[in-house]
Amino acid sequence: MVETASGMFEIVKDENNCFVISDFDKKYVELFGKYEYLVGDYSQNILRIKGFNKENAKSIPDYVNEYCSIDCQYYVLRNPNFNRNLVIAEE
């Protein structure tokens, strides 16, 4: 488990030891709280984050192979406190 500004997350996979808390904290938005799994990948030294739920988590390897740069650094986090029903209010 790792503690971030957005809460506790379990590191499921950390390819090439690339998880950087400060990068994650800068990129994380409240909307990601509705996903059980988050994939962070670095493409051209820029962190991208994508959310997955339990039902589509099996497609994470396909996502990495098809949408991430070849041999990119990436990690998979599990959010034990995710809220699938999270609704973001519009301002």
PDB file of N, CA and C in Angstrom:
ATOM      1  N   MET A   1       0.849  -1.186   0.000  1.00  0.00           N
ATOM      2  CA  MET A   1       0.000   0.000   0.000  1.00  0.00           C
ATOM      3  C   MET A   1       0.889   1.241   0.000  1.00  0.00           C
ATOM      4  N   VAL A   2       0.403   2.238  -0.698  1.00  0.00           N
ATOM      5  CA  VAL A   2       1.119   3.497  -0.757  1.00  0.00           C
ATOM      6  C   VAL A   2       0.118   4.613  -0.442  1.00  0.00           C
ATOM      7  N   GLU A   3       0.553   5.575   0.348  1.00  0.00           N
ATOM      8  CA  GLU A   3      -0.310   6.689   0.719  1.00  0.00           C
ATOM      9  C   GLU A   3      -0.022   7.867  -0.204  1.00  0.00           C
ATOM     10  N   THR A   4      -1.079   8.355  -0.852  1.00  0.00           N
ATOM     11  CA  THR A   4      -0.972   9.520  -1.730  1.00  0.00           C
ATOM     12  C   THR A   4      -1.853  10.629  -1.173  1.00  0.00           C
ATOM     13  N   ALA A   5      -1.818  11.785  -1.800  1.00  0.00           N
ATOM     14  CA  ALA A   5      -2.684  12.888  -1.378  1.00  0.00           C
ATOM     15  C   ALA A   5      -4.156  12.538  -1.580  1.00  0.00           C
ATOM     16  N   SER A   6      -4.432  11.550  -2.431  1.00  0.00           N
ATOM     17  CA  SER A   6      -5.806  11.144  -2.742  1.00  0.00           C
ATOM     18  C   SER A   6      -6.241   9.893  -1.990  1.00  0.00           C
ATOM     19  N   GLY A   7      -5.402   9.391  -1.108  1.00  0.00           N
ATOM     20  CA  GLY A   7      -5.751   8.218  -0.318  1.00  0.00           C
ATOM     21  C   GLY A   7      -4.765   7.085  -0.508  1.00  0.00           C
ATOM     22  N   MET A   8      -5.141   5.939   0.028  1.00  0.00           N
ATOM     23  CA  MET A   8      -4.299   4.747  -0.028  1.00  0.00           C
ATOM     24  C   MET A   8      -4.589   3.953  -1.298  1.00  0.00           C
ATOM     25  N   PHE A   9      -3.535   3.442  -1.911  1.00  0.00           N
ATOM     26  CA  PHE A   9      -3.652   2.610  -3.099  1.00  0.00           C
ATOM     27  C   PHE A   9      -2.717   1.419  -2.945  1.00  0.00           C
ATOM     28  N   GLU A  10      -3.120   0.304  -3.527  1.00  0.00           N
ATOM     29  CA  GLU A  10      -2.277  -0.888  -3.551  1.00  0.00           C
ATOM     30  C   GLU A  10      -1.573  -0.938  -4.906  1.00  0.00           C
ATOM     31  N   ILE A  11      -0.273  -1.091  -4.897  1.00  0.00           N
ATOM     32  CA  ILE A  11       0.471  -1.223  -6.142  1.00  0.00           C
ATOM     33  C   ILE A  11       0.389  -2.680  -6.575  1.00  0.00           C
ATOM     34  N   VAL A  12      -0.319  -2.921  -7.679  1.00  0.00           N
ATOM     35  CA  VAL A  12      -0.488  -4.267  -8.212  1.00  0.00           C
ATOM     36  C   VAL A  12       0.694  -4.622  -9.098  1.00  0.00           C
ATOM     37  N   LYS A  13       1.122  -3.670  -9.912  1.00  0.00           N
ATOM     38  CA  LYS A  13       2.267  -3.877 -10.799  1.00  0.00           C
ATOM     39  C   LYS A  13       2.963  -2.537 -10.974  1.00  0.00           C
ATOM     40  N   ASP A  14       4.275  -2.568 -10.991  1.00  0.00           N
ATOM     41  CA  ASP A  14       5.065  -1.347 -11.185  1.00  0.00           C
ATOM     42  C   ASP A  14       6.224  -1.689 -12.121  1.00  0.00           C
ATOM     43  N   GLU A  15       5.942  -1.620 -13.414  1.00  0.00           N
ATOM     44  CA  GLU A  15       6.923  -1.965 -14.436  1.00  0.00           C
ATOM     45  C   GLU A  15       8.085  -0.979 -14.392  1.00  0.00           C
ATOM     46  N   ASN A  16       9.271  -1.478 -14.171  1.00  0.00           N
ATOM     47  CA  ASN A  16      10.500  -0.673 -14.106  1.00  0.00           C
ATOM     48  C   ASN A  16      10.506   0.328 -12.957  1.00  0.00           C
ATOM     49  N   ASN A  17       9.736   0.037 -11.900  1.00  0.00           N
ATOM     50  CA  ASN A  17       9.746   0.890 -10.709  1.00  0.00           C
ATOM     51  C   ASN A  17       9.490   2.357 -11.058  1.00  0.00           C
ATOM     52  N   CYS A  18       8.413   2.603 -11.808  1.00  0.00           N
ATOM     53  CA  CYS A  18       8.165   3.947 -12.347  1.00  0.00           C
ATOM     54  C   CYS A  18       7.157   4.773 -11.554  1.00  0.00           C
ATOM     55  N   PHE A  19       6.495   4.188 -10.544  1.00  0.00           N
ATOM     56  CA  PHE A  19       5.490   4.951  -9.798  1.00  0.00           C
ATOM     57  C   PHE A  19       6.154   6.079  -9.019  1.00  0.00           C
ATOM     58  N   VAL A  20       5.716   7.311  -9.286  1.00  0.00           N
ATOM     59  CA  VAL A  20       6.222   8.503  -8.601  1.00  0.00           C
ATOM     60  C   VAL A  20       5.017   9.201  -7.975  1.00  0.00           C
ATOM     61  N   ILE A  21       4.979   9.238  -6.655  1.00  0.00           N
ATOM     62  CA  ILE A  21       3.822   9.790  -5.944  1.00  0.00           C
ATOM     63  C   ILE A  21       3.530  11.227  -6.368  1.00  0.00           C
ATOM     64  N   SER A  22       4.532  12.061  -6.490  1.00  0.00           N
ATOM     65  CA  SER A  22       4.284  13.470  -6.835  1.00  0.00           C
ATOM     66  C   SER A  22       3.659  13.604  -8.222  1.00  0.00           C
ATOM     67  N   ASP A  23       4.082  12.777  -9.183  1.00  0.00           N
ATOM     68  CA  ASP A  23       3.468  12.807 -10.515  1.00  0.00           C
ATOM     69  C   ASP A  23       2.011  12.367 -10.445  1.00  0.00           C
ATOM     70  N   PHE A  24       1.769  11.295  -9.684  1.00  0.00           N
ATOM     71  CA  PHE A  24       0.410  10.781  -9.524  1.00  0.00           C
ATOM     72  C   PHE A  24      -0.491  11.834  -8.879  1.00  0.00           C
ATOM     73  N   ASP A  25      -0.007  12.462  -7.812  1.00  0.00           N
ATOM     74  CA  ASP A  25      -0.804  13.474  -7.113  1.00  0.00           C
ATOM     75  C   ASP A  25      -1.154  14.650  -8.021  1.00  0.00           C
ATOM     76  N   LYS A  26      -0.249  15.035  -8.905  1.00  0.00           N
ATOM     77  CA  LYS A  26      -0.516  16.146  -9.830  1.00  0.00           C
ATOM     78  C   LYS A  26      -1.562  15.782 -10.873  1.00  0.00           C
ATOM     79  N   LYS A  27      -1.603  14.528 -11.277  1.00  0.00           N
ATOM     80  CA  LYS A  27      -2.466  14.092 -12.370  1.00  0.00           C
ATOM     81  C   LYS A  27      -3.821  13.561 -11.903  1.00  0.00           C
ATOM     82  N   TYR A  28      -3.901  13.105 -10.656  1.00  0.00           N
ATOM     83  CA  TYR A  28      -5.119  12.483 -10.145  1.00  0.00           C
ATOM     84  C   TYR A  28      -6.232  13.519 -10.022  1.00  0.00           C
ATOM     85  N   VAL A  29      -7.419  13.156 -10.508  1.00  0.00           N
ATOM     86  CA  VAL A  29      -8.616  13.984 -10.348  1.00  0.00           C
ATOM     87  C   VAL A  29      -9.690  13.136  -9.670  1.00  0.00           C
ATOM     88  N   GLU A  30     -10.633  13.793  -9.051  1.00  0.00           N
ATOM     89  CA  GLU A  30     -11.668  13.123  -8.263  1.00  0.00           C
ATOM     90  C   GLU A  30     -12.418  12.050  -9.054  1.00  0.00           C
ATOM     91  N   LEU A  31     -12.589  12.261 -10.328  1.00  0.00           N
ATOM     92  CA  LEU A  31     -13.306  11.310 -11.181  1.00  0.00           C
ATOM     93  C   LEU A  31     -12.705   9.904 -11.121  1.00  0.00           C
ATOM     94  N   PHE A  32     -11.388   9.786 -10.928  1.00  0.00           N
ATOM     95  CA  PHE A  32     -10.743   8.483 -10.868  1.00  0.00           C
ATOM     96  C   PHE A  32     -11.197   7.677  -9.648  1.00  0.00           C
ATOM     97  N   GLY A  33     -11.833   8.307  -8.682  1.00  0.00           N
ATOM     98  CA  GLY A  33     -12.301   7.616  -7.489  1.00  0.00           C
ATOM     99  C   GLY A  33     -13.374   6.584  -7.756  1.00  0.00           C
ATOM    100  N   LYS A  34     -13.965   6.595  -8.957  1.00  0.00           N
ATOM    101  CA  LYS A  34     -15.005   5.619  -9.266  1.00  0.00           C
ATOM    102  C   LYS A  34     -14.462   4.347  -9.912  1.00  0.00           C
ATOM    103  N   TYR A  35     -13.141   4.275 -10.073  1.00  0.00           N
ATOM    104  CA  TYR A  35     -12.519   3.103 -10.680  1.00  0.00           C
ATOM    105  C   TYR A  35     -11.758   2.289  -9.640  1.00  0.00           C
ATOM    106  N   GLU A  36     -11.866   0.975  -9.755  1.00  0.00           N
ATOM    107  CA  GLU A  36     -11.156   0.099  -8.824  1.00  0.00           C
ATOM    108  C   GLU A  36      -9.673  -0.011  -9.179  1.00  0.00           C
ATOM    109  N   TYR A  37      -9.357   0.092 -10.463  1.00  0.00           N
ATOM    110  CA  TYR A  37      -7.965  -0.004 -10.918  1.00  0.00           C
ATOM    111  C   TYR A  37      -7.587   1.225 -11.735  1.00  0.00           C
ATOM    112  N   LEU A  38      -6.377   1.688 -11.543  1.00  0.00           N
ATOM    113  CA  LEU A  38      -5.841   2.801 -12.320  1.00  0.00           C
ATOM    114  C   LEU A  38      -4.537   2.350 -12.964  1.00  0.00           C
ATOM    115  N   VAL A  39      -4.411   2.648 -14.249  1.00  0.00           N
ATOM    116  CA  VAL A  39      -3.175   2.363 -14.968  1.00  0.00           C
ATOM    117  C   VAL A  39      -2.524   3.702 -15.272  1.00  0.00           C
ATOM    118  N   GLY A  40      -1.300   3.846 -14.824  1.00  0.00           N
ATOM    119  CA  GLY A  40      -0.518   5.041 -15.127  1.00  0.00           C
ATOM    120  C   GLY A  40       0.609   4.657 -16.055  1.00  0.00           C
ATOM    121  N   ASP A  41       0.739   5.375 -17.172  1.00  0.00           N
ATOM    122  CA  ASP A  41       1.837   5.080 -18.089  1.00  0.00           C
ATOM    123  C   ASP A  41       2.507   6.387 -18.494  1.00  0.00           C
ATOM    124  N   TYR A  42       3.778   6.274 -18.743  1.00  0.00           N
ATOM    125  CA  TYR A  42       4.563   7.435 -19.159  1.00  0.00           C
ATOM    126  C   TYR A  42       4.820   7.339 -20.660  1.00  0.00           C
ATOM    127  N   SER A  43       4.298   8.307 -21.383  1.00  0.00           N
ATOM    128  CA  SER A  43       4.540   8.405 -22.818  1.00  0.00           C
ATOM    129  C   SER A  43       5.228   9.741 -23.050  1.00  0.00           C
ATOM    130  N   GLN A  44       6.411   9.695 -23.576  1.00  0.00           N
ATOM    131  CA  GLN A  44       7.232  10.893 -23.793  1.00  0.00           C
ATOM    132  C   GLN A  44       7.387  11.687 -22.491  1.00  0.00           C
ATOM    133  N   ASN A  45       7.619  10.958 -21.410  1.00  0.00           N
ATOM    134  CA  ASN A  45       7.830  11.523 -20.063  1.00  0.00           C
ATOM    135  C   ASN A  45       6.621  12.258 -19.504  1.00  0.00           C
ATOM    136  N   ILE A  46       5.440  11.978 -20.038  1.00  0.00           N
ATOM    137  CA  ILE A  46       4.203  12.568 -19.531  1.00  0.00           C
ATOM    138  C   ILE A  46       3.327  11.444 -19.003  1.00  0.00           C
ATOM    139  N   LEU A  47       2.867  11.583 -17.756  1.00  0.00           N
ATOM    140  CA  LEU A  47       2.029  10.567 -17.136  1.00  0.00           C
ATOM    141  C   LEU A  47       0.607  10.654 -17.668  1.00  0.00           C
ATOM    142  N   ARG A  48       0.087   9.496 -18.065  1.00  0.00           N
ATOM    143  CA  ARG A  48      -1.326   9.372 -18.427  1.00  0.00           C
ATOM    144  C   ARG A  48      -1.944   8.375 -17.461  1.00  0.00           C
ATOM    145  N   ILE A  49      -3.177   8.609 -17.049  1.00  0.00           N
ATOM    146  CA  ILE A  49      -3.872   7.696 -16.142  1.00  0.00           C
ATOM    147  C   ILE A  49      -5.203   7.295 -16.772  1.00  0.00           C
ATOM    148  N   LYS A  50      -5.522   6.016 -16.700  1.00  0.00           N
ATOM    149  CA  LYS A  50      -6.797   5.503 -17.193  1.00  0.00           C
ATOM    150  C   LYS A  50      -7.392   4.595 -16.135  1.00  0.00           C
ATOM    151  N   GLY A  51      -8.704   4.699 -15.944  1.00  0.00           N
ATOM    152  CA  GLY A  51      -9.396   3.895 -14.949  1.00  0.00           C
ATOM    153  C   GLY A  51     -10.052   2.663 -15.526  1.00  0.00           C
ATOM    154  N   PHE A  52     -10.087   1.606 -14.723  1.00  0.00           N
ATOM    155  CA  PHE A  52     -10.727   0.343 -15.090  1.00  0.00           C
ATOM    156  C   PHE A  52     -11.520  -0.165 -13.898  1.00  0.00           C
ATOM    157  N   ASN A  53     -12.648  -0.814 -14.173  1.00  0.00           N
ATOM    158  CA  ASN A  53     -13.407  -1.480 -13.122  1.00  0.00           C
ATOM    159  C   ASN A  53     -13.117  -2.966 -13.152  1.00  0.00           C
ATOM    160  N   LYS A  54     -13.589  -3.676 -12.149  1.00  0.00           N
ATOM    161  CA  LYS A  54     -13.322  -5.107 -12.026  1.00  0.00           C
ATOM    162  C   LYS A  54     -13.729  -5.852 -13.294  1.00  0.00           C
ATOM    163  N   GLU A  55     -14.853  -5.451 -13.896  1.00  0.00           N
ATOM    164  CA  GLU A  55     -15.372  -6.144 -15.070  1.00  0.00           C
ATOM    165  C   GLU A  55     -14.443  -6.028 -16.282  1.00  0.00           C
ATOM    166  N   ASN A  56     -13.765  -4.900 -16.438  1.00  0.00           N
ATOM    167  CA  ASN A  56     -12.893  -4.737 -17.615  1.00  0.00           C
ATOM    168  C   ASN A  56     -11.407  -4.732 -17.260  1.00  0.00           C
ATOM    169  N   ALA A  57     -11.065  -5.095 -16.033  1.00  0.00           N
ATOM    170  CA  ALA A  57      -9.656  -5.108 -15.614  1.00  0.00           C
ATOM    171  C   ALA A  57      -8.837  -6.136 -16.391  1.00  0.00           C
ATOM    172  N   LYS A  58      -9.493  -7.183 -16.896  1.00  0.00           N
ATOM    173  CA  LYS A  58      -8.777  -8.186 -17.685  1.00  0.00           C
ATOM    174  C   LYS A  58      -8.222  -7.595 -18.976  1.00  0.00           C
ATOM    175  N   SER A  59      -8.742  -6.450 -19.393  1.00  0.00           N
ATOM    176  CA  SER A  59      -8.283  -5.818 -20.636  1.00  0.00           C
ATOM    177  C   SER A  59      -7.088  -4.879 -20.413  1.00  0.00           C
ATOM    178  N   ILE A  60      -6.595  -4.786 -19.187  1.00  0.00           N
ATOM    179  CA  ILE A  60      -5.444  -3.905 -18.913  1.00  0.00           C
ATOM    180  C   ILE A  60      -4.222  -4.280 -19.758  1.00  0.00           C
ATOM    181  N   PRO A  61      -3.846  -5.561 -19.858  1.00  0.00           N
ATOM    182  CA  PRO A  61      -2.691  -5.892 -20.715  1.00  0.00           C
ATOM    183  C   PRO A  61      -2.908  -5.471 -22.171  1.00  0.00           C
ATOM    184  N   ASP A  62      -4.141  -5.629 -22.670  1.00  0.00           N
ATOM    185  CA  ASP A  62      -4.445  -5.198 -24.038  1.00  0.00           C
ATOM    186  C   ASP A  62      -4.304  -3.682 -24.173  1.00  0.00           C
ATOM    187  N   TYR A  63      -4.790  -2.955 -23.168  1.00  0.00           N
ATOM    188  CA  TYR A  63      -4.664  -1.493 -23.184  1.00  0.00           C
ATOM    189  C   TYR A  63      -3.193  -1.089 -23.245  1.00  0.00           C
ATOM    190  N   VAL A  64      -2.368  -1.702 -22.412  1.00  0.00           N
ATOM    191  CA  VAL A  64      -0.942  -1.365 -22.386  1.00  0.00           C
ATOM    192  C   VAL A  64      -0.298  -1.663 -23.742  1.00  0.00           C
ATOM    193  N   ASN A  65      -0.634  -2.818 -24.318  1.00  0.00           N
ATOM    194  CA  ASN A  65      -0.039  -3.200 -25.602  1.00  0.00           C
ATOM    195  C   ASN A  65      -0.518  -2.348 -26.773  1.00  0.00           C
ATOM    196  N   GLU A  66      -1.783  -1.918 -26.741  1.00  0.00           N
ATOM    197  CA  GLU A  66      -2.357  -1.221 -27.885  1.00  0.00           C
ATOM    198  C   GLU A  66      -2.292   0.304 -27.796  1.00  0.00           C
ATOM    199  N   TYR A  67      -2.358   0.864 -26.601  1.00  0.00           N
ATOM    200  CA  TYR A  67      -2.491   2.316 -26.470  1.00  0.00           C
ATOM    201  C   TYR A  67      -1.302   3.004 -25.804  1.00  0.00           C
ATOM    202  N   CYS A  68      -0.373   2.233 -25.311  1.00  0.00           N
ATOM    203  CA  CYS A  68       0.799   2.819 -24.660  1.00  0.00           C
ATOM    204  C   CYS A  68       2.006   2.695 -25.589  1.00  0.00           C
ATOM    205  N   SER A  69       2.964   3.553 -25.377  1.00  0.00           N
ATOM    206  CA  SER A  69       4.189   3.492 -26.183  1.00  0.00           C
ATOM    207  C   SER A  69       4.880   2.148 -25.988  1.00  0.00           C
ATOM    208  N   ILE A  70       5.589   1.707 -27.011  1.00  0.00           N
ATOM    209  CA  ILE A  70       6.316   0.438 -26.932  1.00  0.00           C
ATOM    210  C   ILE A  70       7.334   0.509 -25.795  1.00  0.00           C
ATOM    211  N   ASP A  71       7.349  -0.525 -24.979  1.00  0.00           N
ATOM    212  CA  ASP A  71       8.263  -0.623 -23.835  1.00  0.00           C
ATOM    213  C   ASP A  71       8.127   0.544 -22.856  1.00  0.00           C
ATOM    214  N   CYS A  72       6.940   1.108 -22.756  1.00  0.00           N
ATOM    215  CA  CYS A  72       6.752   2.232 -21.829  1.00  0.00           C
ATOM    216  C   CYS A  72       6.796   1.744 -20.387  1.00  0.00           C
ATOM    217  N   GLN A  73       7.063   2.678 -19.508  1.00  0.00           N
ATOM    218  CA  GLN A  73       6.978   2.395 -18.082  1.00  0.00           C
ATOM    219  C   GLN A  73       5.521   2.581 -17.677  1.00  0.00           C
ATOM    220  N   TYR A  74       5.000   1.657 -16.898  1.00  0.00           N
ATOM    221  CA  TYR A  74       3.617   1.784 -16.450  1.00  0.00           C
ATOM    222  C   TYR A  74       3.437   1.099 -15.099  1.00  0.00           C
ATOM    223  N   TYR A  75       2.339   1.447 -14.465  1.00  0.00           N
ATOM    224  CA  TYR A  75       1.984   0.794 -13.205  1.00  0.00           C
ATOM    225  C   TYR A  75       0.488   0.601 -13.139  1.00  0.00           C
ATOM    226  N   VAL A  76       0.082  -0.332 -12.290  1.00  0.00           N
ATOM    227  CA  VAL A  76      -1.330  -0.598 -12.048  1.00  0.00           C
ATOM    228  C   VAL A  76      -1.557  -0.459 -10.553  1.00  0.00           C
ATOM    229  N   LEU A  77      -2.518   0.369 -10.198  1.00  0.00           N
ATOM    230  CA  LEU A  77      -2.889   0.570  -8.795  1.00  0.00           C
ATOM    231  C   LEU A  77      -4.294   0.043  -8.578  1.00  0.00           C
ATOM    232  N   ARG A  78      -4.551  -0.494  -7.395  1.00  0.00           N
ATOM    233  CA  ARG A  78      -5.906  -0.861  -6.996  1.00  0.00           C
ATOM    234  C   ARG A  78      -6.347   0.101  -5.918  1.00  0.00           C
ATOM    235  N   ASN A  79      -7.533   0.646  -6.108  1.00  0.00           N
ATOM    236  CA  ASN A  79      -8.099   1.590  -5.148  1.00  0.00           C
ATOM    237  C   ASN A  79      -9.081   0.826  -4.262  1.00  0.00           C
ATOM    238  N   PRO A  80      -8.697   0.488  -3.034  1.00  0.00           N
ATOM    239  CA  PRO A  80      -9.591  -0.285  -2.170  1.00  0.00           C
ATOM    240  C   PRO A  80     -10.807   0.513  -1.704  1.00  0.00           C
ATOM    241  N   ASN A  81     -10.786   1.817  -1.887  1.00  0.00           N
ATOM    242  CA  ASN A  81     -11.884   2.677  -1.434  1.00  0.00           C
ATOM    243  C   ASN A  81     -12.663   3.286  -2.588  1.00  0.00           C
ATOM    244  N   PHE A  82     -12.622   2.639  -3.760  1.00  0.00           N
ATOM    245  CA  PHE A  82     -13.313   3.221  -4.912  1.00  0.00           C
ATOM    246  C   PHE A  82     -14.809   3.275  -4.655  1.00  0.00           C
ATOM    247  N   ASN A  83     -15.465   4.215  -5.307  1.00  0.00           N
ATOM    248  CA  ASN A  83     -16.909   4.391  -5.182  1.00  0.00           C
ATOM    249  C   ASN A  83     -17.495   4.411  -6.585  1.00  0.00           C
ATOM    250  N   ARG A  84     -17.980   3.271  -7.028  1.00  0.00           N
ATOM    251  CA  ARG A  84     -18.505   3.125  -8.382  1.00  0.00           C
ATOM    252  C   ARG A  84     -19.634   4.123  -8.671  1.00  0.00           C
ATOM    253  N   ASN A  85     -20.340   4.545  -7.650  1.00  0.00           N
ATOM    254  CA  ASN A  85     -21.484   5.443  -7.830  1.00  0.00           C
ATOM    255  C   ASN A  85     -21.106   6.912  -7.712  1.00  0.00           C
ATOM    256  N   LEU A  86     -19.822   7.194  -7.713  1.00  0.00           N
ATOM    257  CA  LEU A  86     -19.359   8.562  -7.583  1.00  0.00           C
ATOM    258  C   LEU A  86     -19.903   9.427  -8.724  1.00  0.00           C
ATOM    259  N   VAL A  87     -20.505  10.519  -8.351  1.00  0.00           N
ATOM    260  CA  VAL A  87     -21.027  11.483  -9.340  1.00  0.00           C
ATOM    261  C   VAL A  87     -20.357  12.801  -9.060  1.00  0.00           C
ATOM    262  N   ILE A  88     -19.788  13.381 -10.089  1.00  0.00           N
ATOM    263  CA  ILE A  88     -19.100  14.666  -9.960  1.00  0.00           C
ATOM    264  C   ILE A  88     -20.112  15.746 -10.294  1.00  0.00           C
ATOM    265  N   ALA A  89     -20.326  16.654  -9.357  1.00  0.00           N
ATOM    266  CA  ALA A  89     -21.270  17.758  -9.583  1.00  0.00           C
ATOM    267  C   ALA A  89     -20.665  18.781 -10.522  1.00  0.00           C
ATOM    268  N   GLU A  90     -21.497  19.245 -11.458  1.00  0.00           N
ATOM    269  CA  GLU A  90     -21.036  20.302 -12.358  1.00  0.00           C
ATOM    270  C   GLU A  90     -21.220  21.645 -11.683  1.00  0.00           C
ATOM    271  N   GLU A  91     -20.284  22.524 -11.921  1.00  0.00           N
ATOM    272  CA  GLU A  91     -20.353  23.850 -11.303  1.00  0.00           C
ATOM    273  C   GLU A  91     -21.101  24.813 -12.176  1.00  0.00           C
TER     274      GLU A  91
END
